[in-house]
PDB file of all heavy atoms in Angstrom:
ATOM      1  N   GLU A   1       3.601   0.213 -15.311  1.00  0.00           N
ATOM      2  CA  GLU A   1       2.735  -0.902 -15.048  1.00  0.00           C
ATOM      3  C   GLU A   1       3.518  -2.152 -14.490  1.00  0.00           C
ATOM      4  O   GLU A   1       4.613  -2.361 -15.056  1.00  0.00           O
ATOM      5  CB  GLU A   1       2.040  -1.313 -16.347  1.00  0.00           C
ATOM      6  CG  GLU A   1       1.187  -0.213 -16.945  1.00  0.00           C
ATOM      7  CD  GLU A   1      -0.306  -0.507 -16.767  1.00  0.00           C
ATOM      8  OE1 GLU A   1      -0.623  -1.572 -16.595  1.00  0.00           O
ATOM      9  OE2 GLU A   1      -0.985   0.480 -16.900  1.00  0.00           O
ATOM     10  N   VAL A   2       3.047  -2.791 -13.558  1.00  0.00           N
ATOM     11  CA  VAL A   2       3.604  -4.014 -13.114  1.00  0.00           C
ATOM     12  C   VAL A   2       3.427  -5.113 -14.069  1.00  0.00           C
ATOM     13  O   VAL A   2       2.231  -5.306 -14.538  1.00  0.00           O
ATOM     14  CB  VAL A   2       2.994  -4.425 -11.725  1.00  0.00           C
ATOM     15  CG1 VAL A   2       3.561  -5.797 -11.350  1.00  0.00           C
ATOM     16  CG2 VAL A   2       3.380  -3.434 -10.686  1.00  0.00           C
ATOM     17  N   THR A   3       4.468  -5.728 -14.550  1.00  0.00           N
ATOM     18  CA  THR A   3       4.254  -6.755 -15.602  1.00  0.00           C
ATOM     19  C   THR A   3       4.701  -8.167 -15.117  1.00  0.00           C
ATOM     20  O   THR A   3       4.013  -9.180 -15.491  1.00  0.00           O
ATOM     21  CB  THR A   3       5.073  -6.407 -16.859  1.00  0.00           C
ATOM     22  OG1 THR A   3       6.398  -6.238 -16.471  1.00  0.00           O
ATOM     23  CG2 THR A   3       4.554  -5.109 -17.454  1.00  0.00           C
ATOM     24  N   GLN A   4       5.715  -8.291 -14.312  1.00  0.00           N
ATOM     25  CA  GLN A   4       6.206  -9.632 -14.025  1.00  0.00           C
ATOM     26  C   GLN A   4       6.590  -9.846 -12.546  1.00  0.00           C
ATOM     27  O   GLN A   4       6.944 -10.930 -12.195  1.00  0.00           O
ATOM     28  CB  GLN A   4       7.499  -9.943 -14.824  1.00  0.00           C
ATOM     29  CG  GLN A   4       7.166  -9.961 -16.353  1.00  0.00           C
ATOM     30  CD  GLN A   4       8.406 -10.506 -17.146  1.00  0.00           C
ATOM     31  OE1 GLN A   4       9.495 -10.335 -16.724  1.00  0.00           O
ATOM     32  NE2 GLN A   4       8.178 -10.879 -18.355  1.00  0.00           N
ATOM     33  N   ASP A   5       6.421  -8.905 -11.701  1.00  0.00           N
ATOM     34  CA  ASP A   5       6.957  -9.122 -10.384  1.00  0.00           C
ATOM     35  C   ASP A   5       5.729  -9.425  -9.367  1.00  0.00           C
ATOM     36  O   ASP A   5       4.551  -9.404  -9.867  1.00  0.00           O
ATOM     37  CB  ASP A   5       7.582  -7.863  -9.801  1.00  0.00           C
ATOM     38  CG  ASP A   5       8.731  -8.192  -8.810  1.00  0.00           C
ATOM     39  OD1 ASP A   5       8.605  -9.347  -8.225  1.00  0.00           O
ATOM     40  OD2 ASP A   5       9.497  -7.441  -8.510  1.00  0.00           O
ATOM     41  N   ARG A   6       6.031  -9.771  -8.197  1.00  0.00           N
ATOM     42  CA  ARG A   6       5.100 -10.248  -7.194  1.00  0.00           C
ATOM     43  C   ARG A   6       4.289  -8.996  -6.578  1.00  0.00           C
ATOM     44  O   ARG A   6       3.211  -9.208  -6.099  1.00  0.00           O
ATOM     45  CB  ARG A   6       5.778 -10.962  -6.077  1.00  0.00           C
ATOM     46  CG  ARG A   6       6.440 -12.232  -6.531  1.00  0.00           C
ATOM     47  CD  ARG A   6       5.416 -13.322  -6.616  1.00  0.00           C
ATOM     48  NE  ARG A   6       6.115 -14.526  -7.261  1.00  0.00           N
ATOM     49  CZ  ARG A   6       5.382 -15.647  -7.409  1.00  0.00           C
ATOM     50  NH1 ARG A   6       4.093 -15.708  -7.147  1.00  0.00           N
ATOM     51  NH2 ARG A   6       6.009 -16.681  -7.923  1.00  0.00           N
ATOM     52  N   ILE A   7       4.903  -7.867  -6.561  1.00  0.00           N
ATOM     53  CA  ILE A   7       4.299  -6.713  -5.886  1.00  0.00           C
ATOM     54  C   ILE A   7       4.547  -5.432  -6.682  1.00  0.00           C
ATOM     55  O   ILE A   7       5.417  -5.295  -7.520  1.00  0.00           O
ATOM     56  CB  ILE A   7       4.858  -6.524  -4.457  1.00  0.00           C
ATOM     57  CG1 ILE A   7       6.321  -6.269  -4.492  1.00  0.00           C
ATOM     58  CG2 ILE A   7       4.489  -7.759  -3.613  1.00  0.00           C
ATOM     59  CD1 ILE A   7       6.975  -5.907  -3.208  1.00  0.00           C
ATOM     60  N   SER A   8       3.634  -4.451  -6.429  1.00  0.00           N
ATOM     61  CA  SER A   8       3.813  -3.034  -6.763  1.00  0.00           C
ATOM     62  C   SER A   8       3.714  -2.360  -5.435  1.00  0.00           C
ATOM     63  O   SER A   8       3.022  -2.785  -4.532  1.00  0.00           O
ATOM     64  CB  SER A   8       2.907  -2.529  -7.809  1.00  0.00           C
ATOM     65  OG  SER A   8       1.671  -2.388  -7.274  1.00  0.00           O
ATOM     66  N   VAL A   9       4.430  -1.218  -5.406  1.00  0.00           N
ATOM     67  CA  VAL A   9       4.420  -0.448  -4.156  1.00  0.00           C
ATOM     68  C   VAL A   9       4.160   1.053  -4.477  1.00  0.00           C
ATOM     69  O   VAL A   9       4.960   1.531  -5.245  1.00  0.00           O
ATOM     70  CB  VAL A   9       5.708  -0.662  -3.294  1.00  0.00           C
ATOM     71  CG1 VAL A   9       5.615   0.114  -2.009  1.00  0.00           C
ATOM     72  CG2 VAL A   9       5.986  -2.059  -3.159  1.00  0.00           C
ATOM     73  N   VAL A  10       3.204   1.672  -3.762  1.00  0.00           N
ATOM     74  CA  VAL A  10       3.034   3.107  -3.841  1.00  0.00           C
ATOM     75  C   VAL A  10       3.597   3.664  -2.626  1.00  0.00           C
ATOM     76  O   VAL A  10       3.292   3.222  -1.492  1.00  0.00           O
ATOM     77  CB  VAL A  10       1.591   3.485  -4.018  1.00  0.00           C
ATOM     78  CG1 VAL A  10       1.305   4.985  -3.706  1.00  0.00           C
ATOM     79  CG2 VAL A  10       1.076   3.093  -5.310  1.00  0.00           C
ATOM     80  N   VAL A  11       4.468   4.756  -2.649  1.00  0.00           N
ATOM     81  CA  VAL A  11       4.969   5.388  -1.559  1.00  0.00           C
ATOM     82  C   VAL A  11       4.599   6.711  -1.394  1.00  0.00           C
ATOM     83  O   VAL A  11       4.534   7.528  -2.331  1.00  0.00           O
ATOM     84  CB  VAL A  11       6.609   5.374  -1.650  1.00  0.00           C
ATOM     85  CG1 VAL A  11       7.324   6.024  -0.377  1.00  0.00           C
ATOM     86  CG2 VAL A  11       7.145   3.949  -1.896  1.00  0.00           C
ATOM     87  N   GLU A  12       4.183   7.113  -0.181  1.00  0.00           N
ATOM     88  CA  GLU A  12       3.746   8.476   0.121  1.00  0.00           C
ATOM     89  C   GLU A  12       3.981   8.765   1.594  1.00  0.00           C
ATOM     90  O   GLU A  12       4.046   7.931   2.400  1.00  0.00           O
ATOM     91  CB  GLU A  12       2.194   8.675  -0.210  1.00  0.00           C
ATOM     92  CG  GLU A  12       1.266   7.767   0.532  1.00  0.00           C
ATOM     93  CD  GLU A  12      -0.157   8.127   0.170  1.00  0.00           C
ATOM     94  OE1 GLU A  12      -0.707   8.959   0.860  1.00  0.00           O
ATOM     95  OE2 GLU A  12      -0.724   7.533  -0.781  1.00  0.00           O
ATOM     96  N   GLY A  13       4.067  10.130   1.869  1.00  0.00           N
ATOM     97  CA  GLY A  13       4.370  10.583   3.194  1.00  0.00           C
ATOM     98  C   GLY A  13       5.772  10.539   3.521  1.00  0.00           C
ATOM     99  O   GLY A  13       6.645  10.089   2.901  1.00  0.00           O
ATOM    100  N   THR A  14       6.061  11.125   4.784  1.00  0.00           N
ATOM    101  CA  THR A  14       7.435  11.139   5.225  1.00  0.00           C
ATOM    102  C   THR A  14       7.477  10.713   6.707  1.00  0.00           C
ATOM    103  O   THR A  14       6.517  11.009   7.409  1.00  0.00           O
ATOM    104  CB  THR A  14       8.079  12.537   5.092  1.00  0.00           C
ATOM    105  OG1 THR A  14       7.279  13.490   5.850  1.00  0.00           O
ATOM    106  CG2 THR A  14       8.196  12.930   3.718  1.00  0.00           C
ATOM    107  N   GLY A  15       8.585  10.212   7.116  1.00  0.00           N
ATOM    108  CA  GLY A  15       8.720   9.714   8.555  1.00  0.00           C
ATOM    109  C   GLY A  15       9.069   8.284   8.678  1.00  0.00           C
ATOM    110  O   GLY A  15       9.629   7.687   7.722  1.00  0.00           O
ATOM    111  N   ALA A  16       8.719   7.618   9.811  1.00  0.00           N
ATOM    112  CA  ALA A  16       9.056   6.269   9.954  1.00  0.00           C
ATOM    113  C   ALA A  16       8.301   5.395   8.945  1.00  0.00           C
ATOM    114  O   ALA A  16       7.161   5.658   8.582  1.00  0.00           O
ATOM    115  CB  ALA A  16       8.656   5.861  11.420  1.00  0.00           C
ATOM    116  N   ASP A  17       8.941   4.268   8.560  1.00  0.00           N
ATOM    117  CA  ASP A  17       8.413   3.472   7.457  1.00  0.00           C
ATOM    118  C   ASP A  17       7.313   2.493   7.980  1.00  0.00           C
ATOM    119  O   ASP A  17       7.588   1.825   8.953  1.00  0.00           O
ATOM    120  CB  ASP A  17       9.529   2.671   6.809  1.00  0.00           C
ATOM    121  CG  ASP A  17      10.419   3.676   6.006  1.00  0.00           C
ATOM    122  OD1 ASP A  17      10.054   4.082   4.936  1.00  0.00           O
ATOM    123  OD2 ASP A  17      11.589   3.872   6.471  1.00  0.00           O
ATOM    124  N   VAL A  18       6.285   2.443   7.215  1.00  0.00           N
ATOM    125  CA  VAL A  18       5.139   1.541   7.463  1.00  0.00           C
ATOM    126  C   VAL A  18       4.841   0.868   6.119  1.00  0.00           C
ATOM    127  O   VAL A  18       4.520   1.511   5.180  1.00  0.00           O
ATOM    128  CB  VAL A  18       3.901   2.226   8.139  1.00  0.00           C
ATOM    129  CG1 VAL A  18       2.779   1.248   8.273  1.00  0.00           C
ATOM    130  CG2 VAL A  18       4.232   2.880   9.373  1.00  0.00           C
ATOM    131  N   ILE A  19       4.822  -0.541   6.148  1.00  0.00           N
ATOM    132  CA  ILE A  19       4.475  -1.236   4.952  1.00  0.00           C
ATOM    133  C   ILE A  19       3.093  -1.770   5.123  1.00  0.00           C
ATOM    134  O   ILE A  19       2.867  -2.638   6.118  1.00  0.00           O
ATOM    135  CB  ILE A  19       5.482  -2.274   4.623  1.00  0.00           C
ATOM    136  CG1 ILE A  19       6.908  -1.682   4.310  1.00  0.00           C
ATOM    137  CG2 ILE A  19       5.063  -3.179   3.406  1.00  0.00           C
ATOM    138  CD1 ILE A  19       8.018  -2.628   4.139  1.00  0.00           C
ATOM    139  N   LEU A  20       2.132  -1.598   4.202  1.00  0.00           N
ATOM    140  CA  LEU A  20       0.798  -2.099   4.354  1.00  0.00           C
ATOM    141  C   LEU A  20       0.493  -3.163   3.291  1.00  0.00           C
ATOM    142  O   LEU A  20       0.644  -2.840   2.094  1.00  0.00           O
ATOM    143  CB  LEU A  20      -0.229  -0.889   4.333  1.00  0.00           C
ATOM    144  CG  LEU A  20      -0.052   0.117   5.417  1.00  0.00           C
ATOM    145  CD1 LEU A  20       0.609   1.395   4.839  1.00  0.00           C
ATOM    146  CD2 LEU A  20      -1.385   0.528   6.058  1.00  0.00           C
ATOM    147  N   ILE A  21      -0.019  -4.295   3.696  1.00  0.00           N
ATOM    148  CA  ILE A  21      -0.294  -5.375   2.728  1.00  0.00           C
ATOM    149  C   ILE A  21      -1.733  -5.664   2.842  1.00  0.00           C
ATOM    150  O   ILE A  21      -2.224  -6.181   3.866  1.00  0.00           O
ATOM    151  CB  ILE A  21       0.572  -6.602   3.159  1.00  0.00           C
ATOM    152  CG1 ILE A  21       1.994  -6.262   3.427  1.00  0.00           C
ATOM    153  CG2 ILE A  21       0.489  -7.629   2.037  1.00  0.00           C
ATOM    154  CD1 ILE A  21       2.848  -7.260   4.076  1.00  0.00           C
ATOM    155  N   PRO A  22      -2.506  -5.672   1.684  1.00  0.00           N
ATOM    156  CA  PRO A  22      -3.898  -6.010   1.701  1.00  0.00           C
ATOM    157  C   PRO A  22      -4.067  -7.533   1.655  1.00  0.00           C
ATOM    158  O   PRO A  22      -3.090  -8.317   1.360  1.00  0.00           O
ATOM    159  CB  PRO A  22      -4.476  -5.366   0.467  1.00  0.00           C
ATOM    160  CG  PRO A  22      -3.229  -5.294  -0.438  1.00  0.00           C
ATOM    161  CD  PRO A  22      -2.059  -5.073   0.421  1.00  0.00           C
ATOM    162  N   GLY A  23      -5.288  -7.968   1.842  1.00  0.00           N
ATOM    163  CA  GLY A  23      -5.583  -9.444   1.792  1.00  0.00           C
ATOM    164  C   GLY A  23      -5.911 -10.007   0.414  1.00  0.00           C
ATOM    165  O   GLY A  23      -5.722  -9.370  -0.625  1.00  0.00           O
ATOM    166  N   LEU A  24      -6.492 -11.211   0.527  1.00  0.00           N
ATOM    167  CA  LEU A  24      -6.851 -11.920  -0.727  1.00  0.00           C
ATOM    168  C   LEU A  24      -7.818 -11.146  -1.623  1.00  0.00           C
ATOM    169  O   LEU A  24      -8.870 -10.660  -1.106  1.00  0.00           O
ATOM    170  CB  LEU A  24      -7.495 -13.259  -0.272  1.00  0.00           C
ATOM    171  CG  LEU A  24      -7.816 -14.192  -1.380  1.00  0.00           C
ATOM    172  CD1 LEU A  24      -6.583 -14.783  -2.010  1.00  0.00           C
ATOM    173  CD2 LEU A  24      -8.754 -15.253  -0.869  1.00  0.00           C
ATOM    174  N   ALA A  25      -7.447 -11.045  -2.917  1.00  0.00           N
ATOM    175  CA  ALA A  25      -8.289 -10.396  -3.869  1.00  0.00           C
ATOM    176  C   ALA A  25      -8.682  -8.958  -3.538  1.00  0.00           C
ATOM    177  O   ALA A  25      -9.679  -8.468  -3.938  1.00  0.00           O
ATOM    178  CB  ALA A  25      -9.619 -11.220  -4.042  1.00  0.00           C
ATOM    179  N   SER A  26      -7.823  -8.314  -2.704  1.00  0.00           N
ATOM    180  CA  SER A  26      -8.098  -6.971  -2.190  1.00  0.00           C
ATOM    181  C   SER A  26      -7.142  -5.959  -2.884  1.00  0.00           C
ATOM    182  O   SER A  26      -6.001  -6.286  -3.177  1.00  0.00           O
ATOM    183  CB  SER A  26      -7.973  -6.871  -0.688  1.00  0.00           C
ATOM    184  OG  SER A  26      -9.108  -7.618  -0.121  1.00  0.00           O
ATOM    185  N   SER A  27      -7.646  -4.728  -2.877  1.00  0.00           N
ATOM    186  CA  SER A  27      -6.813  -3.618  -3.342  1.00  0.00           C
ATOM    187  C   SER A  27      -6.178  -2.866  -2.153  1.00  0.00           C
ATOM    188  O   SER A  27      -6.645  -2.926  -1.052  1.00  0.00           O
ATOM    189  CB  SER A  27      -7.696  -2.587  -4.143  1.00  0.00           C
ATOM    190  OG  SER A  27      -7.161  -1.394  -4.241  1.00  0.00           O
ATOM    191  N   ARG A  28      -5.091  -2.159  -2.402  1.00  0.00           N
ATOM    192  CA  ARG A  28      -4.465  -1.369  -1.341  1.00  0.00           C
ATOM    193  C   ARG A  28      -5.420  -0.282  -0.878  1.00  0.00           C
ATOM    194  O   ARG A  28      -5.167   0.353   0.082  1.00  0.00           O
ATOM    195  CB  ARG A  28      -3.166  -0.741  -1.835  1.00  0.00           C
ATOM    196  CG  ARG A  28      -3.244   0.109  -3.083  1.00  0.00           C
ATOM    197  CD  ARG A  28      -1.834   0.644  -3.492  1.00  0.00           C
ATOM    198  NE  ARG A  28      -1.667   0.575  -4.887  1.00  0.00           N
ATOM    199  CZ  ARG A  28      -0.633  -0.005  -5.544  1.00  0.00           C
ATOM    200  NH1 ARG A  28       0.219  -0.607  -4.813  1.00  0.00           N
ATOM    201  NH2 ARG A  28      -0.587  -0.082  -6.833  1.00  0.00           N
ATOM    202  N   GLU A  29      -6.485   0.035  -1.594  1.00  0.00           N
ATOM    203  CA  GLU A  29      -7.449   1.092  -1.252  1.00  0.00           C
ATOM    204  C   GLU A  29      -8.165   0.809   0.072  1.00  0.00           C
ATOM    205  O   GLU A  29      -8.744   1.693   0.671  1.00  0.00           O
ATOM    206  CB  GLU A  29      -8.418   1.227  -2.354  1.00  0.00           C
ATOM    207  CG  GLU A  29      -7.845   1.782  -3.635  1.00  0.00           C
ATOM    208  CD  GLU A  29      -9.005   1.921  -4.760  1.00  0.00           C
ATOM    209  OE1 GLU A  29     -10.172   1.537  -4.484  1.00  0.00           O
ATOM    210  OE2 GLU A  29      -8.588   2.347  -5.874  1.00  0.00           O
ATOM    211  N   ILE A  30      -8.120  -0.384   0.519  1.00  0.00           N
ATOM    212  CA  ILE A  30      -8.729  -0.751   1.857  1.00  0.00           C
ATOM    213  C   ILE A  30      -8.087   0.035   2.970  1.00  0.00           C
ATOM    214  O   ILE A  30      -8.627   0.203   4.034  1.00  0.00           O
ATOM    215  CB  ILE A  30      -8.684  -2.266   2.194  1.00  0.00           C
ATOM    216  CG1 ILE A  30      -7.247  -2.766   2.313  1.00  0.00           C
ATOM    217  CG2 ILE A  30      -9.424  -3.089   1.095  1.00  0.00           C
ATOM    218  CD1 ILE A  30      -7.148  -4.154   3.006  1.00  0.00           C
ATOM    219  N   TRP A  31      -6.799   0.494   2.759  1.00  0.00           N
ATOM    220  CA  TRP A  31      -6.109   1.227   3.780  1.00  0.00           C
ATOM    221  C   TRP A  31      -6.334   2.715   3.751  1.00  0.00           C
ATOM    222  O   TRP A  31      -5.690   3.493   4.501  1.00  0.00           O
ATOM    223  CB  TRP A  31      -4.555   0.999   3.635  1.00  0.00           C
ATOM    224  CG  TRP A  31      -4.163  -0.470   3.675  1.00  0.00           C
ATOM    225  CD1 TRP A  31      -3.585  -1.205   2.721  1.00  0.00           C
ATOM    226  CD2 TRP A  31      -4.258  -1.336   4.795  1.00  0.00           C
ATOM    227  NE1 TRP A  31      -3.277  -2.454   3.105  1.00  0.00           N
ATOM    228  CE2 TRP A  31      -3.689  -2.546   4.422  1.00  0.00           C
ATOM    229  CE3 TRP A  31      -4.762  -1.226   6.117  1.00  0.00           C
ATOM    230  CZ2 TRP A  31      -3.626  -3.734   5.299  1.00  0.00           C
ATOM    231  CZ3 TRP A  31      -4.724  -2.357   6.891  1.00  0.00           C
ATOM    232  CH2 TRP A  31      -4.190  -3.535   6.551  1.00  0.00           C
ATOM    233  N   ALA A  32      -7.228   3.169   2.849  1.00  0.00           N
ATOM    234  CA  ALA A  32      -7.321   4.685   2.718  1.00  0.00           C
ATOM    235  C   ALA A  32      -7.622   5.401   4.014  1.00  0.00           C
ATOM    236  O   ALA A  32      -7.013   6.449   4.217  1.00  0.00           O
ATOM    237  CB  ALA A  32      -8.488   4.936   1.694  1.00  0.00           C
ATOM    238  N   GLY A  33      -8.474   4.903   4.877  1.00  0.00           N
ATOM    239  CA  GLY A  33      -8.752   5.607   6.080  1.00  0.00           C
ATOM    240  C   GLY A  33      -7.490   5.693   6.969  1.00  0.00           C
ATOM    241  O   GLY A  33      -7.216   6.667   7.597  1.00  0.00           O
ATOM    242  N   LEU A  34      -6.819   4.554   7.196  1.00  0.00           N
ATOM    243  CA  LEU A  34      -5.623   4.555   7.983  1.00  0.00           C
ATOM    244  C   LEU A  34      -4.530   5.499   7.393  1.00  0.00           C
ATOM    245  O   LEU A  34      -3.807   6.158   8.128  1.00  0.00           O
ATOM    246  CB  LEU A  34      -5.066   3.177   8.086  1.00  0.00           C
ATOM    247  CG  LEU A  34      -3.825   2.890   8.915  1.00  0.00           C
ATOM    248  CD1 LEU A  34      -4.128   3.389  10.430  1.00  0.00           C
ATOM    249  CD2 LEU A  34      -3.412   1.468   8.871  1.00  0.00           C
ATOM    250  N   VAL A  35      -4.402   5.424   6.101  1.00  0.00           N
ATOM    251  CA  VAL A  35      -3.397   6.264   5.418  1.00  0.00           C
ATOM    252  C   VAL A  35      -3.608   7.749   5.709  1.00  0.00           C
ATOM    253  O   VAL A  35      -2.703   8.486   5.944  1.00  0.00           O
ATOM    254  CB  VAL A  35      -3.451   6.065   3.837  1.00  0.00           C
ATOM    255  CG1 VAL A  35      -2.644   7.144   3.145  1.00  0.00           C
ATOM    256  CG2 VAL A  35      -2.905   4.602   3.466  1.00  0.00           C
ATOM    257  N   SER A  36      -4.870   8.172   5.685  1.00  0.00           N
ATOM    258  CA  SER A  36      -5.183   9.548   6.033  1.00  0.00           C
ATOM    259  C   SER A  36      -4.787  10.001   7.460  1.00  0.00           C
ATOM    260  O   SER A  36      -4.425  11.113   7.716  1.00  0.00           O
ATOM    261  CB  SER A  36      -6.717   9.872   5.872  1.00  0.00           C
ATOM    262  OG  SER A  36      -7.423   9.151   6.878  1.00  0.00           O
ATOM    263  N   LYS A  37      -4.627   8.950   8.384  1.00  0.00           N
ATOM    264  CA  LYS A  37      -4.130   9.270   9.717  1.00  0.00           C
ATOM    265  C   LYS A  37      -2.668   9.212   9.836  1.00  0.00           C
ATOM    266  O   LYS A  37      -2.068   9.950  10.674  1.00  0.00           O
ATOM    267  CB  LYS A  37      -4.759   8.187  10.669  1.00  0.00           C
ATOM    268  CG  LYS A  37      -6.241   8.023  10.626  1.00  0.00           C
ATOM    269  CD  LYS A  37      -6.870   9.194  11.336  1.00  0.00           C
ATOM    270  CE  LYS A  37      -8.442   8.889  11.521  1.00  0.00           C
ATOM    271  NZ  LYS A  37      -9.130  10.076  12.216  1.00  0.00           N
ATOM    272  N   LEU A  38      -1.968   8.376   9.046  1.00  0.00           N
ATOM    273  CA  LEU A  38      -0.561   8.121   9.208  1.00  0.00           C
ATOM    274  C   LEU A  38       0.318   8.938   8.303  1.00  0.00           C
ATOM    275  O   LEU A  38       1.541   9.152   8.586  1.00  0.00           O
ATOM    276  CB  LEU A  38      -0.243   6.653   8.969  1.00  0.00           C
ATOM    277  CG  LEU A  38      -0.884   5.643  10.026  1.00  0.00           C
ATOM    278  CD1 LEU A  38      -0.424   4.233   9.655  1.00  0.00           C
ATOM    279  CD2 LEU A  38      -0.526   6.002  11.511  1.00  0.00           C
TER     280      LEU A  38
END
């Protein structure tokens, strides 16, 4: 569990690195469609 830091990061897939940042009051789940493509 994240307890004191500014971010948590889930890493999946292999290849060139892409970092995805959601917006205000949003979950990383907003990227699910793009994640399935990349």
